[in-house]
């Protein structure tokens, strides 16, 4: 845990074992990748927090920007050098009263283009397609999903090039969003943070 900051270690100690482990691994991977982007060791990466608790690199206005999300044992990290980014992952599952959730959070035109592209999916899959798009967009804006200021009227309709869905694991769906528009997939770099990757990070 030596690469984590004091407040991160304290937070990990307050968590239950499984949750603490997920937090430690997620934050460590975050520090490793941000260190590679900035040329710093993981323990030298300094984070600050926005009003809604979203972390960002301290003492810089030029990025990189990033967002980290979890679903069970799966964590996804998105890093951008071109502007704020949000990411969300959800396990496809049955939920109670999806219509009521949709009515609360989605406007009628929410992710119209995305829904049209996936019209053959089941209602449950379509719901999580819309939810991940909504949450990734809110995260990119630095706005909490359950912020008191949220209402259907302040939702920003997602442009076709501002969000992209992908399947990171079986029975899961994820979305990445950038208000300024995502670069083409061909320009994305993807890394799998295996145990070997994590173990070798501090050795350079």
Protein backbone atom coordinates (compact mmCIF):
# COMPACT_ATOMS: atom_id res chain seq x y z
CA UNK A 1 0.00 0.00 0.00
CA UNK A 2 3.02 2.31 0.05
CA UNK A 3 2.07 3.90 -3.28
CA UNK A 4 -1.24 5.16 -1.83
CA UNK A 5 -1.64 8.47 -0.06
CA UNK A 6 -2.36 8.65 3.65
CA UNK A 7 -6.05 9.40 3.16
CA UNK A 8 -6.34 6.51 0.68
CA UNK A 9 -4.77 4.09 3.16
CA UNK A 10 -7.10 5.34 5.88
CA UNK A 11 -10.12 4.87 3.61
CA UNK A 12 -9.01 1.35 2.73
CA UNK A 13 -8.69 0.44 6.41
CA UNK A 14 -12.27 1.62 7.02
CA UNK A 15 -13.65 -0.63 4.30
CA UNK A 16 -14.60 -4.28 4.56
CA UNK A 17 -11.89 -6.64 3.27
CA UNK A 18 -13.27 -7.25 -0.25
CA UNK A 19 -14.20 -3.60 -0.77
CA UNK A 20 -10.85 -2.47 0.62
CA UNK A 21 -9.00 -4.76 -1.77
CA UNK A 22 -10.98 -3.44 -4.75
CA UNK A 23 -10.29 0.14 -3.68
CA UNK A 24 -6.56 -0.49 -3.22
CA UNK A 25 -6.14 -2.27 -6.56
CA UNK A 26 -8.19 0.36 -8.39
CA UNK A 27 -6.29 3.29 -6.90
CA UNK A 28 -2.95 1.60 -7.41
CA UNK A 29 -3.71 0.95 -11.08
CA UNK A 30 -4.86 4.56 -11.38
CA UNK A 31 -1.58 5.81 -9.94
CA UNK A 32 0.47 3.51 -12.17
CA UNK A 33 -1.18 4.70 -15.38
CA UNK A 34 -1.23 8.37 -14.38
CA UNK A 35 2.43 8.00 -13.45
CA UNK A 36 3.17 6.70 -16.94
CA UNK A 37 1.31 9.64 -18.49
CA UNK A 38 3.10 12.20 -16.31
CA UNK A 39 6.51 10.57 -15.88
CA UNK A 40 6.07 10.17 -12.11
CA UNK A 41 6.29 7.23 -9.75
CA UNK A 42 2.90 6.01 -8.51
CA UNK A 43 3.52 7.35 -5.01
CA UNK A 44 4.37 10.79 -6.45
CA UNK A 45 1.01 11.24 -8.18
CA UNK A 46 -0.94 13.90 -6.28
CA UNK A 47 -4.73 13.88 -6.45
CA UNK A 48 -7.27 16.56 -5.53
CA UNK A 49 -11.06 16.32 -5.43
CA UNK A 50 -13.86 18.34 -7.02
CA UNK A 51 -17.08 19.46 -5.28
CA UNK A 52 -18.77 16.12 -6.07
CA UNK A 53 -15.75 14.09 -4.97
CA UNK A 54 -14.37 13.39 -8.45
CA UNK A 55 -10.56 13.09 -8.25
CA UNK A 56 -8.24 14.97 -10.59
CA UNK A 57 -4.52 15.61 -10.88
CA UNK A 58 -3.47 18.32 -8.46
CA UNK A 59 -1.52 21.40 -9.59
CA UNK A 60 -2.25 20.98 -13.31
CA UNK A 61 -4.72 22.50 -15.75
CA UNK A 62 -3.53 20.54 -18.76
CA UNK A 63 -4.53 17.03 -17.74
CA UNK A 64 -4.45 14.21 -18.25
CA UNK A 65 -8.08 13.83 -17.25
CA UNK A 66 -9.37 10.50 -15.96
CA UNK A 67 -12.27 8.63 -14.44
CA UNK A 68 -12.41 5.31 -12.58
CA UNK A 69 -15.45 3.06 -12.10
CA UNK A 70 -16.18 -0.34 -10.55
CA UNK A 71 -18.66 -3.17 -10.84
CA UNK A 72 -17.89 -6.03 -8.48
CA UNK A 73 -14.37 -7.25 -9.19
CA UNK A 74 -14.15 -5.33 -12.48
CA UNK A 75 -12.65 -1.84 -12.58
CA UNK A 76 -12.34 0.39 -15.63
CA UNK A 77 -10.10 3.44 -15.91
CA UNK A 78 -10.36 5.97 -18.73
CA UNK A 79 -7.57 8.50 -19.29
CA UNK A 80 -7.72 11.39 -21.75
CA UNK A 81 -5.23 14.02 -22.82
CA UNK A 82 -7.86 16.07 -24.63
CA UNK A 83 -10.43 16.97 -21.98
CA UNK A 84 -12.74 15.71 -19.24
CA UNK A 85 -13.88 12.10 -19.58
CA UNK A 86 -16.38 9.88 -17.80
CA UNK A 87 -16.78 6.12 -17.72
CA UNK A 88 -19.35 3.74 -16.28
CA UNK A 89 -19.79 -0.03 -16.11
CA UNK A 90 -22.86 -1.99 -15.08
CA UNK A 91 -23.64 -5.67 -14.70
CA UNK A 92 -26.74 -6.57 -16.68
CA UNK A 93 -29.33 -7.64 -14.11
CA UNK A 94 -33.01 -7.43 -13.33
CA UNK A 95 -34.02 -4.25 -11.53
CA UNK A 96 -37.24 -3.27 -9.83
CA UNK A 97 -39.44 -0.71 -11.58
CA UNK A 98 -37.11 0.26 -14.46
CA UNK A 99 -39.82 2.54 -15.89
CA UNK A 100 -39.82 4.64 -12.73
CA UNK A 101 -36.03 4.91 -12.76
CA UNK A 102 -36.08 5.90 -16.43
CA UNK A 103 -38.78 8.49 -15.80
CA UNK A 104 -36.72 10.05 -13.02
CA UNK A 105 -33.39 10.20 -14.84
CA UNK A 106 -34.00 10.14 -18.60
CA UNK A 107 -35.63 12.66 -20.90
CA UNK A 108 -37.57 11.35 -23.90
CA UNK A 109 -34.70 12.04 -26.28
CA UNK A 110 -31.96 10.61 -24.06
CA UNK A 111 -29.41 8.73 -26.19
CA UNK A 112 -31.81 8.48 -29.13
CA UNK A 113 -29.02 7.73 -31.55
CA UNK A 114 -27.58 5.06 -29.26
CA UNK A 115 -30.94 3.38 -28.69
CA UNK A 116 -31.64 3.30 -32.42
CA UNK A 117 -28.32 1.57 -33.02
CA UNK A 118 -29.21 -1.14 -30.50
CA UNK A 119 -32.91 -1.53 -31.22
CA UNK A 120 -32.72 -5.36 -31.21
CA UNK A 121 -31.59 -5.57 -27.58
CA UNK A 122 -33.88 -6.67 -24.76
CA UNK A 123 -35.58 -3.96 -22.63
CA UNK A 124 -33.16 -4.67 -19.76
CA UNK A 125 -30.14 -4.27 -22.04
CA UNK A 126 -31.57 -1.07 -23.49
CA UNK A 127 -32.11 0.29 -19.98
CA UNK A 128 -28.47 -0.29 -19.00
CA UNK A 129 -27.34 1.11 -22.34
CA UNK A 130 -29.16 4.33 -21.47
CA UNK A 131 -28.03 4.25 -17.84
CA UNK A 132 -24.32 3.87 -18.63
CA UNK A 133 -24.58 6.66 -21.21
CA UNK A 134 -26.29 8.89 -18.65
CA UNK A 135 -23.85 8.16 -15.82
CA UNK A 136 -20.70 8.41 -17.96
CA UNK A 137 -21.89 11.78 -19.24
CA UNK A 138 -22.60 13.07 -15.73
CA UNK A 139 -19.18 11.88 -14.57
CA UNK A 140 -17.48 13.64 -17.48
CA UNK A 141 -19.24 16.84 -16.41
CA UNK A 142 -18.15 16.33 -12.80
CA UNK A 143 -21.77 16.18 -11.67
CA UNK A 144 -23.01 13.54 -9.25
CA UNK A 145 -25.70 11.21 -10.58
CA UNK A 146 -27.80 11.81 -7.48
CA UNK A 147 -26.91 15.50 -7.17
CA UNK A 148 -29.72 17.59 -5.62
CA UNK A 149 -29.36 19.90 -8.61
CA UNK A 150 -30.28 17.13 -11.04
CA UNK A 151 -33.50 17.25 -12.95
CA UNK A 152 -34.60 16.00 -16.34
CA UNK A 153 -34.33 19.53 -17.70
CA UNK A 154 -30.60 19.82 -17.02
CA UNK A 155 -29.71 16.57 -18.83
CA UNK A 156 -27.42 17.07 -21.80
CA UNK A 157 -28.41 15.00 -24.83
CA UNK A 158 -25.51 12.81 -25.89
CA UNK A 159 -24.10 13.55 -29.33
CA UNK A 160 -23.25 10.56 -31.54
CA UNK A 161 -19.48 11.12 -31.21
CA UNK A 162 -19.55 11.99 -27.50
CA UNK A 163 -20.13 8.48 -26.19
CA UNK A 164 -19.20 4.93 -27.05
CA UNK A 165 -20.42 1.67 -25.58
CA UNK A 166 -18.37 -1.49 -25.27
CA UNK A 167 -18.54 -4.88 -23.51
CA UNK A 168 -15.60 -5.29 -21.08
CA UNK A 169 -16.75 -8.65 -19.68
CA UNK A 170 -19.55 -11.16 -20.09
CA UNK A 171 -22.95 -9.85 -18.94
CA UNK A 172 -21.61 -6.31 -18.49
CA UNK A 173 -21.89 -3.12 -20.49
CA UNK A 174 -19.79 0.02 -20.25
CA UNK A 175 -19.76 3.51 -21.72
CA UNK A 176 -17.13 6.22 -22.08
CA UNK A 177 -18.15 9.84 -22.64
CA UNK A 178 -16.45 13.14 -23.46
CA UNK A 179 -18.44 16.38 -23.89
CA UNK A 180 -15.99 17.47 -26.60
CA UNK A 181 -16.32 14.18 -28.51
CA UNK A 182 -14.38 10.95 -28.23
CA UNK A 183 -11.48 10.22 -30.59
CA UNK A 184 -11.91 7.34 -33.06
CA UNK A 185 -11.49 3.89 -31.54
CA UNK A 186 -8.41 3.37 -33.70
CA UNK A 187 -6.64 5.98 -31.56
CA UNK A 188 -7.52 4.35 -28.24
CA UNK A 189 -4.85 2.49 -26.27
CA UNK A 190 -6.13 -0.31 -24.03
CA UNK A 191 -4.29 -1.99 -21.17
CA UNK A 192 -5.24 -4.95 -18.99
CA UNK A 193 -4.01 -4.43 -15.45
CA UNK A 194 -2.95 -7.96 -14.59
CA UNK A 195 -1.21 -8.91 -11.35
CA UNK A 196 2.11 -8.96 -13.22
CA UNK A 197 1.46 -5.45 -14.49
CA UNK A 198 0.73 -4.20 -10.97
CA UNK A 199 3.62 -6.06 -9.35
CA UNK A 200 6.21 -4.73 -11.78
CA UNK A 201 5.05 -1.11 -11.68
CA UNK A 202 7.19 0.08 -8.83
CA UNK A 203 10.25 -1.45 -10.47
CA UNK A 204 9.71 0.79 -13.49
